[in-house]
Amino acid sequence: MVTVKQLLDEKGTSVWSTSPATSVFDALKVMAEKNVGALVVTDGQKLAGMISERDYARKVALLGRNSRELSVKEIMSTNVIHVSPSDSIEQCMELMTNAHIRHLPVVQNGALLGLISIGDVVRRVIEEQRSTITHLEDYITGRRS
Protein backbone atom coordinates (compact mmCIF):
# COMPACT_ATOMS: atom_id res chain seq x y z
CA MET A 1 0.00 0.00 0.00
CA VAL A 2 1.54 3.28 -1.18
CA THR A 3 1.23 6.23 1.18
CA VAL A 4 0.83 9.92 0.47
CA LYS A 5 4.32 10.44 1.91
CA GLN A 6 5.80 8.04 -0.65
CA LEU A 7 3.93 9.81 -3.43
CA LEU A 8 5.21 13.21 -2.27
CA ASP A 9 8.75 11.84 -1.97
CA GLU A 10 8.56 10.88 -5.65
CA LYS A 11 6.77 13.91 -7.10
CA GLY A 12 8.10 16.60 -4.79
CA THR A 13 6.49 18.95 -2.33
CA SER A 14 6.28 22.13 -4.40
CA VAL A 15 2.93 23.81 -3.98
CA TRP A 16 1.69 26.78 -5.98
CA SER A 17 -0.22 29.08 -3.67
CA THR A 18 -1.80 32.48 -3.43
CA SER A 19 -3.13 34.72 -0.68
CA PRO A 20 -6.77 35.53 0.06
CA ALA A 21 -6.21 39.16 -0.98
CA THR A 22 -4.98 38.31 -4.50
CA SER A 23 -7.37 39.15 -7.32
CA VAL A 24 -9.09 36.18 -8.93
CA PHE A 25 -7.64 37.32 -12.26
CA ASP A 26 -4.07 37.18 -10.93
CA ALA A 27 -4.71 33.75 -9.38
CA LEU A 28 -5.97 32.51 -12.77
CA LYS A 29 -2.83 33.85 -14.43
CA VAL A 30 -0.69 31.83 -12.01
CA MET A 31 -2.75 28.71 -12.71
CA ALA A 32 -2.29 29.22 -16.45
CA GLU A 33 1.45 29.92 -16.15
CA LYS A 34 2.04 26.89 -13.94
CA ASN A 35 -0.40 24.68 -15.87
CA VAL A 36 -2.35 23.72 -12.73
CA GLY A 37 -6.08 23.56 -12.06
CA ALA A 38 -6.02 24.84 -8.49
CA LEU A 39 -4.01 26.87 -6.03
CA VAL A 40 -3.72 26.48 -2.30
CA VAL A 41 -4.72 29.67 -0.52
CA THR A 42 -2.50 30.43 2.45
CA ASP A 43 -2.74 33.05 5.13
CA GLY A 44 0.82 33.17 6.38
CA GLN A 45 1.74 29.51 6.92
CA LYS A 46 -1.88 28.48 7.49
CA LEU A 47 -4.05 26.70 4.93
CA ALA A 48 -6.95 29.11 4.37
CA GLY A 49 -8.63 27.50 1.38
CA MET A 50 -8.37 26.42 -2.23
CA ILE A 51 -9.24 28.18 -5.46
CA SER A 52 -9.86 26.10 -8.55
CA GLU A 53 -10.92 26.51 -12.12
CA ARG A 54 -14.28 25.12 -11.00
CA ASP A 55 -14.63 27.91 -8.40
CA TYR A 56 -13.96 30.46 -11.11
CA ALA A 57 -16.42 28.91 -13.56
CA ARG A 58 -19.25 28.61 -11.04
CA LYS A 59 -18.73 31.70 -8.91
CA VAL A 60 -17.44 34.23 -11.42
CA ALA A 61 -17.94 33.35 -15.09
CA LEU A 62 -21.47 31.94 -14.84
CA LEU A 63 -22.60 34.82 -12.65
CA GLY A 64 -21.12 37.50 -14.91
CA ARG A 65 -18.78 38.80 -12.23
CA ASN A 66 -15.45 40.53 -12.91
CA SER A 67 -12.37 38.49 -11.96
CA ARG A 68 -10.20 41.62 -11.78
CA GLU A 69 -12.45 43.14 -9.10
CA LEU A 70 -12.92 40.04 -6.94
CA SER A 71 -10.43 38.74 -4.42
CA VAL A 72 -9.63 35.08 -4.02
CA LYS A 73 -11.17 35.22 -0.55
CA GLU A 74 -14.58 35.97 -2.08
CA ILE A 75 -14.76 32.76 -4.11
CA MET A 76 -12.30 30.27 -2.58
CA SER A 77 -13.45 27.04 -1.02
CA THR A 78 -12.80 27.26 2.71
CA ASN A 79 -13.95 23.85 3.90
CA VAL A 80 -10.86 22.15 2.48
CA ILE A 81 -10.63 18.39 2.65
CA HIS A 82 -7.03 17.35 3.26
CA VAL A 83 -5.01 14.22 3.93
CA SER A 84 -2.01 13.29 6.05
CA PRO A 85 1.25 11.73 4.87
CA SER A 86 0.30 8.36 6.36
CA ASP A 87 -2.93 8.05 4.33
CA SER A 88 -2.90 5.56 1.46
CA ILE A 89 -3.38 6.58 -2.14
CA GLU A 90 -6.39 4.26 -2.21
CA GLN A 91 -7.95 6.32 0.59
CA CYS A 92 -7.17 9.49 -1.38
CA MET A 93 -8.78 8.12 -4.53
CA GLU A 94 -11.92 7.17 -2.61
CA LEU A 95 -12.04 10.56 -0.89
CA MET A 96 -11.58 12.45 -4.17
CA THR A 97 -14.23 10.36 -5.89
CA ASN A 98 -16.79 10.70 -3.10
CA ALA A 99 -16.22 14.44 -2.58
CA HIS A 100 -15.93 15.22 -6.33
CA ILE A 101 -12.59 16.98 -5.89
CA ARG A 102 -9.35 16.79 -7.85
CA HIS A 103 -6.80 18.18 -5.39
CA LEU A 104 -5.88 17.28 -1.83
CA PRO A 105 -3.54 19.33 0.35
CA VAL A 106 -1.28 17.22 2.53
CA VAL A 107 -1.25 18.56 6.08
CA GLN A 108 0.52 17.36 9.21
CA ASN A 109 0.34 19.12 12.58
CA GLY A 110 -1.22 22.14 10.89
CA ALA A 111 1.64 22.49 8.38
CA LEU A 112 1.08 22.25 4.64
CA LEU A 113 3.49 19.61 3.29
CA GLY A 114 2.36 19.35 -0.31
CA LEU A 115 -0.52 18.88 -2.71
CA ILE A 116 -1.60 15.81 -4.64
CA SER A 117 -3.91 15.70 -7.61
CA ILE A 118 -6.16 13.00 -8.98
CA GLY A 119 -3.64 12.67 -11.82
CA ASP A 120 -0.84 11.92 -9.34
CA VAL A 121 -2.95 9.28 -7.64
CA VAL A 122 -4.17 7.61 -10.83
CA ARG A 123 -0.63 7.54 -12.28
CA ARG A 124 0.66 5.79 -9.16
CA VAL A 125 -2.18 3.26 -9.09
CA ILE A 126 -1.49 2.41 -12.73
CA GLU A 127 2.21 1.95 -11.96
CA GLU A 128 1.35 -0.38 -9.07
CA GLN A 129 -1.01 -2.41 -11.26
CA ARG A 130 1.58 -2.73 -14.04
CA SER A 131 4.15 -3.90 -11.51
CA THR A 132 1.77 -6.48 -10.08
CA ILE A 133 0.88 -7.76 -13.56
CA THR A 134 4.55 -8.06 -14.50
CA HIS A 135 5.33 -9.99 -11.31
CA LEU A 136 2.38 -12.33 -11.85
CA GLU A 137 3.31 -12.93 -15.48
CA ASP A 138 6.91 -13.65 -14.48
CA TYR A 139 5.75 -16.07 -11.78
CA ILE A 140 3.31 -17.88 -14.07
CA THR A 141 5.80 -18.23 -16.92
CA GLY A 142 8.65 -19.21 -14.60
CA ARG A 143 10.81 -16.21 -15.42
CA ARG A 144 11.09 -15.59 -11.67
CA SER A 145 11.08 -18.00 -8.84
C-alpha atoms as a PDB file:
ATOM      1  CA  MET A   1       0.000   0.000   0.000  1.00  0.00           C
ATOM      2  CA  VAL A   2       1.544   3.275  -1.179  1.00  0.00           C
ATOM      3  CA  THR A   3       1.232   6.226   1.185  1.00  0.00           C
ATOM      4  CA  VAL A   4       0.828   9.920   0.473  1.00  0.00           C
ATOM      5  CA  LYS A   5       4.324  10.441   1.910  1.00  0.00           C
ATOM      6  CA  GLN A   6       5.797   8.042  -0.654  1.00  0.00           C
ATOM      7  CA  LEU A   7       3.930   9.805  -3.429  1.00  0.00           C
ATOM      8  CA  LEU A   8       5.208  13.213  -2.268  1.00  0.00           C
ATOM      9  CA  ASP A   9       8.754  11.843  -1.973  1.00  0.00           C
ATOM     10  CA  GLU A  10       8.558  10.876  -5.651  1.00  0.00           C
ATOM     11  CA  LYS A  11       6.769  13.906  -7.097  1.00  0.00           C
ATOM     12  CA  GLY A  12       8.102  16.598  -4.794  1.00  0.00           C
ATOM     13  CA  THR A  13       6.495  18.953  -2.335  1.00  0.00           C
ATOM     14  CA  SER A  14       6.277  22.129  -4.405  1.00  0.00           C
ATOM     15  CA  VAL A  15       2.928  23.815  -3.984  1.00  0.00           C
ATOM     16  CA  TRP A  16       1.690  26.779  -5.975  1.00  0.00           C
ATOM     17  CA  SER A  17      -0.218  29.077  -3.671  1.00  0.00           C
ATOM     18  CA  THR A  18      -1.803  32.482  -3.425  1.00  0.00           C
ATOM     19  CA  SER A  19      -3.134  34.724  -0.683  1.00  0.00           C
ATOM     20  CA  PRO A  20      -6.772  35.529   0.065  1.00  0.00           C
ATOM     21  CA  ALA A  21      -6.211  39.164  -0.982  1.00  0.00           C
ATOM     22  CA  THR A  22      -4.982  38.310  -4.498  1.00  0.00           C
ATOM     23  CA  SER A  23      -7.366  39.147  -7.315  1.00  0.00           C
ATOM     24  CA  VAL A  24      -9.086  36.181  -8.933  1.00  0.00           C
ATOM     25  CA  PHE A  25      -7.641  37.321 -12.259  1.00  0.00           C
ATOM     26  CA  ASP A  26      -4.074  37.177 -10.925  1.00  0.00           C
ATOM     27  CA  ALA A  27      -4.706  33.750  -9.384  1.00  0.00           C
ATOM     28  CA  LEU A  28      -5.975  32.511 -12.766  1.00  0.00           C
ATOM     29  CA  LYS A  29      -2.827  33.852 -14.426  1.00  0.00           C
ATOM     30  CA  VAL A  30      -0.692  31.829 -12.010  1.00  0.00           C
ATOM     31  CA  MET A  31      -2.754  28.710 -12.713  1.00  0.00           C
ATOM     32  CA  ALA A  32      -2.294  29.223 -16.454  1.00  0.00           C
ATOM     33  CA  GLU A  33       1.449  29.919 -16.146  1.00  0.00           C
ATOM     34  CA  LYS A  34       2.042  26.887 -13.941  1.00  0.00           C
ATOM     35  CA  ASN A  35      -0.401  24.677 -15.865  1.00  0.00           C
ATOM     36  CA  VAL A  36      -2.346  23.722 -12.731  1.00  0.00           C
ATOM     37  CA  GLY A  37      -6.079  23.556 -12.064  1.00  0.00           C
ATOM     38  CA  ALA A  38      -6.022  24.842  -8.491  1.00  0.00           C
ATOM     39  CA  LEU A  39      -4.015  26.873  -6.028  1.00  0.00           C
ATOM     40  CA  VAL A  40      -3.719  26.479  -2.303  1.00  0.00           C
ATOM     41  CA  VAL A  41      -4.720  29.670  -0.515  1.00  0.00           C
ATOM     42  CA  THR A  42      -2.500  30.432   2.447  1.00  0.00           C
ATOM     43  CA  ASP A  43      -2.738  33.047   5.132  1.00  0.00           C
ATOM     44  CA  GLY A  44       0.823  33.173   6.382  1.00  0.00           C
ATOM     45  CA  GLN A  45       1.742  29.513   6.921  1.00  0.00           C
ATOM     46  CA  LYS A  46      -1.882  28.478   7.492  1.00  0.00           C
ATOM     47  CA  LEU A  47      -4.051  26.705   4.934  1.00  0.00           C
ATOM     48  CA  ALA A  48      -6.946  29.111   4.373  1.00  0.00           C
ATOM     49  CA  GLY A  49      -8.627  27.505   1.382  1.00  0.00           C
ATOM     50  CA  MET A  50      -8.369  26.424  -2.229  1.00  0.00           C
ATOM     51  CA  ILE A  51      -9.243  28.176  -5.455  1.00  0.00           C
ATOM     52  CA  SER A  52      -9.862  26.096  -8.546  1.00  0.00           C
ATOM     53  CA  GLU A  53     -10.924  26.512 -12.123  1.00  0.00           C
ATOM     54  CA  ARG A  54     -14.277  25.116 -11.003  1.00  0.00           C
ATOM     55  CA  ASP A  55     -14.627  27.915  -8.397  1.00  0.00           C
ATOM     56  CA  TYR A  56     -13.960  30.462 -11.113  1.00  0.00           C
ATOM     57  CA  ALA A  57     -16.425  28.908 -13.558  1.00  0.00           C
ATOM     58  CA  ARG A  58     -19.247  28.610 -11.041  1.00  0.00           C
ATOM     59  CA  LYS A  59     -18.734  31.703  -8.905  1.00  0.00           C
ATOM     60  CA  VAL A  60     -17.441  34.230 -11.425  1.00  0.00           C
ATOM     61  CA  ALA A  61     -17.943  33.354 -15.092  1.00  0.00           C
ATOM     62  CA  LEU A  62     -21.467  31.937 -14.839  1.00  0.00           C
ATOM     63  CA  LEU A  63     -22.600  34.821 -12.651  1.00  0.00           C
ATOM     64  CA  GLY A  64     -21.118  37.496 -14.906  1.00  0.00           C
ATOM     65  CA  ARG A  65     -18.778  38.802 -12.227  1.00  0.00           C
ATOM     66  CA  ASN A  66     -15.454  40.534 -12.911  1.00  0.00           C
ATOM     67  CA  SER A  67     -12.368  38.488 -11.956  1.00  0.00           C
ATOM     68  CA  ARG A  68     -10.203  41.616 -11.776  1.00  0.00           C
ATOM     69  CA  GLU A  69     -12.451  43.144  -9.101  1.00  0.00           C
ATOM     70  CA  LEU A  70     -12.923  40.036  -6.941  1.00  0.00           C
ATOM     71  CA  SER A  71     -10.433  38.744  -4.416  1.00  0.00           C
ATOM     72  CA  VAL A  72      -9.625  35.082  -4.025  1.00  0.00           C
ATOM     73  CA  LYS A  73     -11.166  35.225  -0.553  1.00  0.00           C
ATOM     74  CA  GLU A  74     -14.577  35.974  -2.083  1.00  0.00           C
ATOM     75  CA  ILE A  75     -14.757  32.762  -4.114  1.00  0.00           C
ATOM     76  CA  MET A  76     -12.296  30.269  -2.577  1.00  0.00           C
ATOM     77  CA  SER A  77     -13.452  27.042  -1.018  1.00  0.00           C
ATOM     78  CA  THR A  78     -12.804  27.256   2.706  1.00  0.00           C
ATOM     79  CA  ASN A  79     -13.947  23.846   3.902  1.00  0.00           C
ATOM     80  CA  VAL A  80     -10.861  22.151   2.484  1.00  0.00           C
ATOM     81  CA  ILE A  81     -10.625  18.391   2.655  1.00  0.00           C
ATOM     82  CA  HIS A  82      -7.034  17.353   3.259  1.00  0.00           C
ATOM     83  CA  VAL A  83      -5.006  14.225   3.934  1.00  0.00           C
ATOM     84  CA  SER A  84      -2.015  13.291   6.047  1.00  0.00           C
ATOM     85  CA  PRO A  85       1.255  11.730   4.866  1.00  0.00           C
ATOM     86  CA  SER A  86       0.298   8.363   6.359  1.00  0.00           C
ATOM     87  CA  ASP A  87      -2.931   8.047   4.328  1.00  0.00           C
ATOM     88  CA  SER A  88      -2.896   5.558   1.461  1.00  0.00           C
ATOM     89  CA  ILE A  89      -3.381   6.576  -2.144  1.00  0.00           C
ATOM     90  CA  GLU A  90      -6.386   4.257  -2.214  1.00  0.00           C
ATOM     91  CA  GLN A  91      -7.945   6.320   0.593  1.00  0.00           C
ATOM     92  CA  CYS A  92      -7.173   9.490  -1.378  1.00  0.00           C
ATOM     93  CA  MET A  93      -8.780   8.123  -4.525  1.00  0.00           C
ATOM     94  CA  GLU A  94     -11.919   7.169  -2.611  1.00  0.00           C
ATOM     95  CA  LEU A  95     -12.037  10.558  -0.891  1.00  0.00           C
ATOM     96  CA  MET A  96     -11.579  12.450  -4.169  1.00  0.00           C
ATOM     97  CA  THR A  97     -14.231  10.362  -5.888  1.00  0.00           C
ATOM     98  CA  ASN A  98     -16.793  10.697  -3.102  1.00  0.00           C
ATOM     99  CA  ALA A  99     -16.220  14.439  -2.578  1.00  0.00           C
ATOM    100  CA  HIS A 100     -15.931  15.223  -6.326  1.00  0.00           C
ATOM    101  CA  ILE A 101     -12.586  16.978  -5.886  1.00  0.00           C
ATOM    102  CA  ARG A 102      -9.354  16.794  -7.849  1.00  0.00           C
ATOM    103  CA  HIS A 103      -6.804  18.177  -5.390  1.00  0.00           C
ATOM    104  CA  LEU A 104      -5.877  17.282  -1.826  1.00  0.00           C
ATOM    105  CA  PRO A 105      -3.543  19.329   0.351  1.00  0.00           C
ATOM    106  CA  VAL A 106      -1.278  17.219   2.525  1.00  0.00           C
ATOM    107  CA  VAL A 107      -1.246  18.559   6.076  1.00  0.00           C
ATOM    108  CA  GLN A 108       0.525  17.362   9.211  1.00  0.00           C
ATOM    109  CA  ASN A 109       0.337  19.116  12.576  1.00  0.00           C
ATOM    110  CA  GLY A 110      -1.216  22.136  10.889  1.00  0.00           C
ATOM    111  CA  ALA A 111       1.641  22.493   8.381  1.00  0.00           C
ATOM    112  CA  LEU A 112       1.084  22.252   4.637  1.00  0.00           C
ATOM    113  CA  LEU A 113       3.488  19.610   3.289  1.00  0.00           C
ATOM    114  CA  GLY A 114       2.360  19.349  -0.305  1.00  0.00           C
ATOM    115  CA  LEU A 115      -0.516  18.876  -2.711  1.00  0.00           C
ATOM    116  CA  ILE A 116      -1.598  15.814  -4.644  1.00  0.00           C
ATOM    117  CA  SER A 117      -3.911  15.703  -7.614  1.00  0.00           C
ATOM    118  CA  ILE A 118      -6.160  12.995  -8.982  1.00  0.00           C
ATOM    119  CA  GLY A 119      -3.641  12.666 -11.824  1.00  0.00           C
ATOM    120  CA  ASP A 120      -0.839  11.921  -9.344  1.00  0.00           C
ATOM    121  CA  VAL A 121      -2.946   9.277  -7.644  1.00  0.00           C
ATOM    122  CA  VAL A 122      -4.167   7.608 -10.831  1.00  0.00           C
ATOM    123  CA  ARG A 123      -0.631   7.542 -12.278  1.00  0.00           C
ATOM    124  CA  ARG A 124       0.664   5.791  -9.161  1.00  0.00           C
ATOM    125  CA  VAL A 125      -2.185   3.261  -9.086  1.00  0.00           C
ATOM    126  CA  ILE A 126      -1.495   2.407 -12.734  1.00  0.00           C
ATOM    127  CA  GLU A 127       2.211   1.946 -11.955  1.00  0.00           C
ATOM    128  CA  GLU A 128       1.345  -0.376  -9.069  1.00  0.00           C
ATOM    129  CA  GLN A 129      -1.007  -2.411 -11.264  1.00  0.00           C
ATOM    130  CA  ARG A 130       1.585  -2.731 -14.038  1.00  0.00           C
ATOM    131  CA  SER A 131       4.154  -3.904 -11.514  1.00  0.00           C
ATOM    132  CA  THR A 132       1.768  -6.483 -10.085  1.00  0.00           C
ATOM    133  CA  ILE A 133       0.877  -7.758 -13.563  1.00  0.00           C
ATOM    134  CA  THR A 134       4.553  -8.065 -14.497  1.00  0.00           C
ATOM    135  CA  HIS A 135       5.334  -9.990 -11.306  1.00  0.00           C
ATOM    136  CA  LEU A 136       2.385 -12.328 -11.848  1.00  0.00           C
ATOM    137  CA  GLU A 137       3.314 -12.929 -15.483  1.00  0.00           C
ATOM    138  CA  ASP A 138       6.906 -13.654 -14.485  1.00  0.00           C
ATOM    139  CA  TYR A 139       5.749 -16.066 -11.781  1.00  0.00           C
ATOM    140  CA  ILE A 140       3.314 -17.883 -14.071  1.00  0.00           C
ATOM    141  CA  THR A 141       5.800 -18.232 -16.923  1.00  0.00           C
ATOM    142  CA  GLY A 142       8.655 -19.212 -14.604  1.00  0.00           C
ATOM    143  CA  ARG A 143      10.814 -16.211 -15.420  1.00  0.00           C
ATOM    144  CA  ARG A 144      11.094 -15.593 -11.675  1.00  0.00           C
ATOM    145  CA  SER A 145      11.081 -18.002  -8.837  1.00  0.00           C
END
